[in-house]
Amino acid sequence: MKEKTSVTLSPEVLTGIDRLAGSKLSRSAFIEKVLRQYLRQRVKAERSARDLAILNKYAHELNVDAEDGLEDQAPEEE
């Protein structure tokens, strides 16, 4: 169910919305579409930031483990 709300926008923003939405989308539909995309991007960015923080927290340990694994696979020098 949708809820009605009121938003005050500058004439320049409304002109841009009307130009981009064209005759296919109403202003409301266009604004909702743009906001949904923005919200998805924010959620993705927040998730990526959390993942990066976890990787950074354990980076040294992960790198040491990777180096150990590579050393085990490398042929011994004569």
N, C-alpha and C. Protein backbone atom coordinates (compact mmCIF):
# COMPACT_ATOMS: atom_id res chain seq x y z
N MET A 1 0.84 -1.17 0.00
CA MET A 1 0.00 0.00 0.00
C MET A 1 0.89 1.24 0.00
N LYS A 2 0.56 2.17 -0.83
CA LYS A 2 1.34 3.40 -0.91
C LYS A 2 0.72 4.45 -0.01
N GLU A 3 1.58 5.33 0.47
CA GLU A 3 1.12 6.44 1.31
C GLU A 3 1.40 7.74 0.60
N LYS A 4 0.51 8.65 0.74
CA LYS A 4 0.67 9.95 0.12
C LYS A 4 1.53 10.83 1.01
N THR A 5 2.45 11.56 0.38
CA THR A 5 3.32 12.47 1.11
C THR A 5 3.49 13.74 0.29
N SER A 6 4.03 14.72 0.89
CA SER A 6 4.26 15.98 0.19
C SER A 6 5.75 16.31 0.25
N VAL A 7 6.29 16.67 -0.90
CA VAL A 7 7.71 17.02 -0.99
C VAL A 7 7.79 18.34 -1.75
N THR A 8 8.60 19.23 -1.27
CA THR A 8 8.79 20.51 -1.94
C THR A 8 10.10 20.48 -2.70
N LEU A 9 10.02 20.71 -4.00
CA LEU A 9 11.21 20.66 -4.86
C LEU A 9 11.33 21.96 -5.64
N SER A 10 12.55 22.28 -5.99
CA SER A 10 12.79 23.49 -6.77
C SER A 10 12.28 23.31 -8.20
N PRO A 11 11.99 24.40 -8.86
CA PRO A 11 11.54 24.30 -10.26
C PRO A 11 12.55 23.61 -11.16
N GLU A 12 13.85 23.80 -10.89
CA GLU A 12 14.88 23.16 -11.71
C GLU A 12 14.83 21.63 -11.57
N VAL A 13 14.61 21.17 -10.35
CA VAL A 13 14.53 19.72 -10.13
C VAL A 13 13.28 19.16 -10.81
N LEU A 14 12.17 19.84 -10.69
CA LEU A 14 10.94 19.38 -11.35
C LEU A 14 11.10 19.35 -12.87
N THR A 15 11.77 20.33 -13.41
CA THR A 15 12.02 20.35 -14.85
C THR A 15 12.86 19.15 -15.26
N GLY A 16 13.89 18.85 -14.46
CA GLY A 16 14.73 17.69 -14.74
C GLY A 16 13.96 16.39 -14.65
N ILE A 17 13.11 16.27 -13.64
CA ILE A 17 12.28 15.07 -13.48
C ILE A 17 11.36 14.91 -14.69
N ASP A 18 10.70 15.99 -15.06
CA ASP A 18 9.78 15.94 -16.20
C ASP A 18 10.51 15.56 -17.48
N ARG A 19 11.70 16.09 -17.66
CA ARG A 19 12.48 15.79 -18.87
C ARG A 19 12.89 14.33 -18.90
N LEU A 20 13.38 13.81 -17.76
CA LEU A 20 13.86 12.42 -17.73
C LEU A 20 12.72 11.40 -17.70
N ALA A 21 11.65 11.73 -17.01
CA ALA A 21 10.52 10.80 -16.91
C ALA A 21 9.76 10.74 -18.22
N GLY A 22 9.75 11.85 -18.94
CA GLY A 22 9.02 11.88 -20.21
C GLY A 22 7.54 11.65 -19.99
N SER A 23 6.89 11.16 -20.99
CA SER A 23 5.45 10.93 -20.89
C SER A 23 5.13 9.54 -20.37
N LYS A 24 6.14 8.71 -20.17
CA LYS A 24 5.92 7.32 -19.76
C LYS A 24 5.72 7.18 -18.25
N LEU A 25 6.36 8.04 -17.46
CA LEU A 25 6.28 7.92 -16.00
C LEU A 25 5.72 9.20 -15.40
N SER A 26 4.93 9.03 -14.37
CA SER A 26 4.49 10.19 -13.60
C SER A 26 5.66 10.67 -12.75
N ARG A 27 5.56 11.86 -12.23
CA ARG A 27 6.61 12.35 -11.32
C ARG A 27 6.76 11.41 -10.14
N SER A 28 5.65 10.98 -9.58
CA SER A 28 5.70 10.09 -8.41
C SER A 28 6.39 8.79 -8.74
N ALA A 29 6.05 8.20 -9.87
CA ALA A 29 6.66 6.92 -10.27
C ALA A 29 8.15 7.10 -10.51
N PHE A 30 8.53 8.20 -11.15
CA PHE A 30 9.93 8.46 -11.43
C PHE A 30 10.71 8.64 -10.12
N ILE A 31 10.19 9.46 -9.22
CA ILE A 31 10.86 9.71 -7.94
C ILE A 31 10.98 8.41 -7.15
N GLU A 32 9.92 7.60 -7.13
CA GLU A 32 9.99 6.33 -6.41
C GLU A 32 11.05 5.41 -7.02
N LYS A 33 11.10 5.35 -8.34
CA LYS A 33 12.09 4.50 -9.01
C LYS A 33 13.52 4.94 -8.67
N VAL A 34 13.76 6.25 -8.71
CA VAL A 34 15.09 6.78 -8.41
C VAL A 34 15.45 6.52 -6.94
N LEU A 35 14.51 6.73 -6.05
CA LEU A 35 14.78 6.50 -4.63
C LEU A 35 15.02 5.03 -4.33
N ARG A 36 14.30 4.14 -4.98
CA ARG A 36 14.54 2.69 -4.79
C ARG A 36 15.96 2.33 -5.22
N GLN A 37 16.38 2.86 -6.37
CA GLN A 37 17.75 2.59 -6.84
C GLN A 37 18.77 3.12 -5.84
N TYR A 38 18.54 4.32 -5.35
CA TYR A 38 19.45 4.92 -4.38
C TYR A 38 19.52 4.09 -3.10
N LEU A 39 18.38 3.65 -2.61
CA LEU A 39 18.35 2.85 -1.38
C LEU A 39 19.07 1.52 -1.57
N ARG A 40 18.89 0.88 -2.74
CA ARG A 40 19.60 -0.37 -3.01
C ARG A 40 21.11 -0.13 -3.03
N GLN A 41 21.53 0.97 -3.65
CA GLN A 41 22.96 1.30 -3.69
C GLN A 41 23.52 1.53 -2.30
N ARG A 42 22.76 2.20 -1.45
CA ARG A 42 23.21 2.47 -0.07
C ARG A 42 23.36 1.17 0.70
N VAL A 43 22.39 0.27 0.57
CA VAL A 43 22.47 -1.02 1.27
C VAL A 43 23.70 -1.79 0.78
N LYS A 44 23.91 -1.79 -0.53
CA LYS A 44 25.07 -2.49 -1.09
C LYS A 44 26.37 -1.87 -0.60
N ALA A 45 26.44 -0.54 -0.57
CA ALA A 45 27.65 0.15 -0.10
C ALA A 45 27.91 -0.15 1.37
N GLU A 46 26.86 -0.17 2.18
CA GLU A 46 27.03 -0.48 3.60
C GLU A 46 27.52 -1.92 3.79
N ARG A 47 26.96 -2.84 3.02
CA ARG A 47 27.39 -4.24 3.10
C ARG A 47 28.84 -4.37 2.68
N SER A 48 29.23 -3.69 1.61
CA SER A 48 30.62 -3.74 1.14
C SER A 48 31.57 -3.15 2.17
N ALA A 49 31.15 -2.08 2.82
CA ALA A 49 31.98 -1.46 3.86
C ALA A 49 32.17 -2.40 5.03
N ARG A 50 31.11 -3.11 5.43
CA ARG A 50 31.24 -4.08 6.53
C ARG A 50 32.17 -5.22 6.13
N ASP A 51 32.00 -5.72 4.89
CA ASP A 51 32.87 -6.80 4.40
C ASP A 51 34.33 -6.36 4.37
N LEU A 52 34.57 -5.14 3.89
CA LEU A 52 35.93 -4.63 3.83
C LEU A 52 36.53 -4.48 5.23
N ALA A 53 35.73 -4.03 6.17
CA ALA A 53 36.22 -3.90 7.55
C ALA A 53 36.61 -5.27 8.11
N ILE A 54 35.83 -6.29 7.81
CA ILE A 54 36.15 -7.65 8.27
C ILE A 54 37.45 -8.12 7.62
N LEU A 55 37.57 -7.93 6.31
CA LEU A 55 38.79 -8.34 5.61
C LEU A 55 40.01 -7.60 6.15
N ASN A 56 39.87 -6.30 6.38
CA ASN A 56 40.99 -5.52 6.92
C ASN A 56 41.38 -5.99 8.32
N LYS A 57 40.37 -6.36 9.11
CA LYS A 57 40.63 -6.81 10.47
C LYS A 57 41.49 -8.08 10.47
N TYR A 58 41.25 -8.96 9.50
CA TYR A 58 41.96 -10.23 9.46
C TYR A 58 42.98 -10.31 8.32
N ALA A 59 43.30 -9.19 7.68
CA ALA A 59 44.16 -9.20 6.50
C ALA A 59 45.53 -9.81 6.79
N HIS A 60 46.15 -9.40 7.88
CA HIS A 60 47.49 -9.91 8.17
C HIS A 60 47.46 -11.43 8.33
N GLU A 61 46.52 -11.92 9.11
CA GLU A 61 46.41 -13.36 9.34
C GLU A 61 46.13 -14.10 8.03
N LEU A 62 45.24 -13.56 7.20
CA LEU A 62 44.93 -14.19 5.92
C LEU A 62 46.14 -14.20 4.99
N ASN A 63 46.89 -13.11 4.99
CA ASN A 63 48.08 -13.04 4.14
C ASN A 63 49.16 -14.03 4.59
N VAL A 64 49.34 -14.17 5.90
CA VAL A 64 50.32 -15.14 6.42
C VAL A 64 49.91 -16.54 6.02
N ASP A 65 48.63 -16.87 6.18
CA ASP A 65 48.15 -18.20 5.78
C ASP A 65 48.36 -18.44 4.29
N ALA A 66 48.09 -17.43 3.47
CA ALA A 66 48.28 -17.58 2.03
C ALA A 66 49.75 -17.80 1.69
N GLU A 67 50.63 -17.05 2.33
CA GLU A 67 52.07 -17.21 2.08
C GLU A 67 52.54 -18.59 2.50
N ASP A 68 52.04 -19.08 3.63
CA ASP A 68 52.41 -20.43 4.08
C ASP A 68 51.96 -21.46 3.06
N GLY A 69 50.76 -21.30 2.55
CA GLY A 69 50.25 -22.25 1.55
C GLY A 69 51.07 -22.22 0.27
N LEU A 70 51.47 -21.04 -0.14
CA LEU A 70 52.29 -20.92 -1.36
C LEU A 70 53.67 -21.51 -1.16
N GLU A 71 54.23 -21.31 0.01
CA GLU A 71 55.55 -21.89 0.29
C GLU A 71 55.50 -23.41 0.28
N ASP A 72 54.40 -23.97 0.75
CA ASP A 72 54.26 -25.44 0.74
C ASP A 72 54.17 -25.97 -0.68
N GLN A 73 53.69 -25.17 -1.60
CA GLN A 73 53.50 -25.62 -2.98
C GLN A 73 54.73 -25.36 -3.85
N ALA A 74 55.57 -24.45 -3.46
CA ALA A 74 56.72 -24.07 -4.27
C ALA A 74 57.78 -25.17 -4.21
N PRO A 75 58.41 -25.40 -5.35
CA PRO A 75 59.50 -26.41 -5.34
C PRO A 75 60.67 -25.90 -4.52
N GLU A 76 61.34 -26.83 -3.85
CA GLU A 76 62.49 -26.44 -3.04
C GLU A 76 63.65 -26.05 -3.93
N GLU A 77 64.35 -25.01 -3.50
CA GLU A 77 65.51 -24.55 -4.26
C GLU A 77 66.71 -25.44 -3.94
N GLU A 78 67.54 -25.66 -4.93
CA GLU A 78 68.72 -26.51 -4.72
C GLU A 78 69.94 -25.70 -4.49
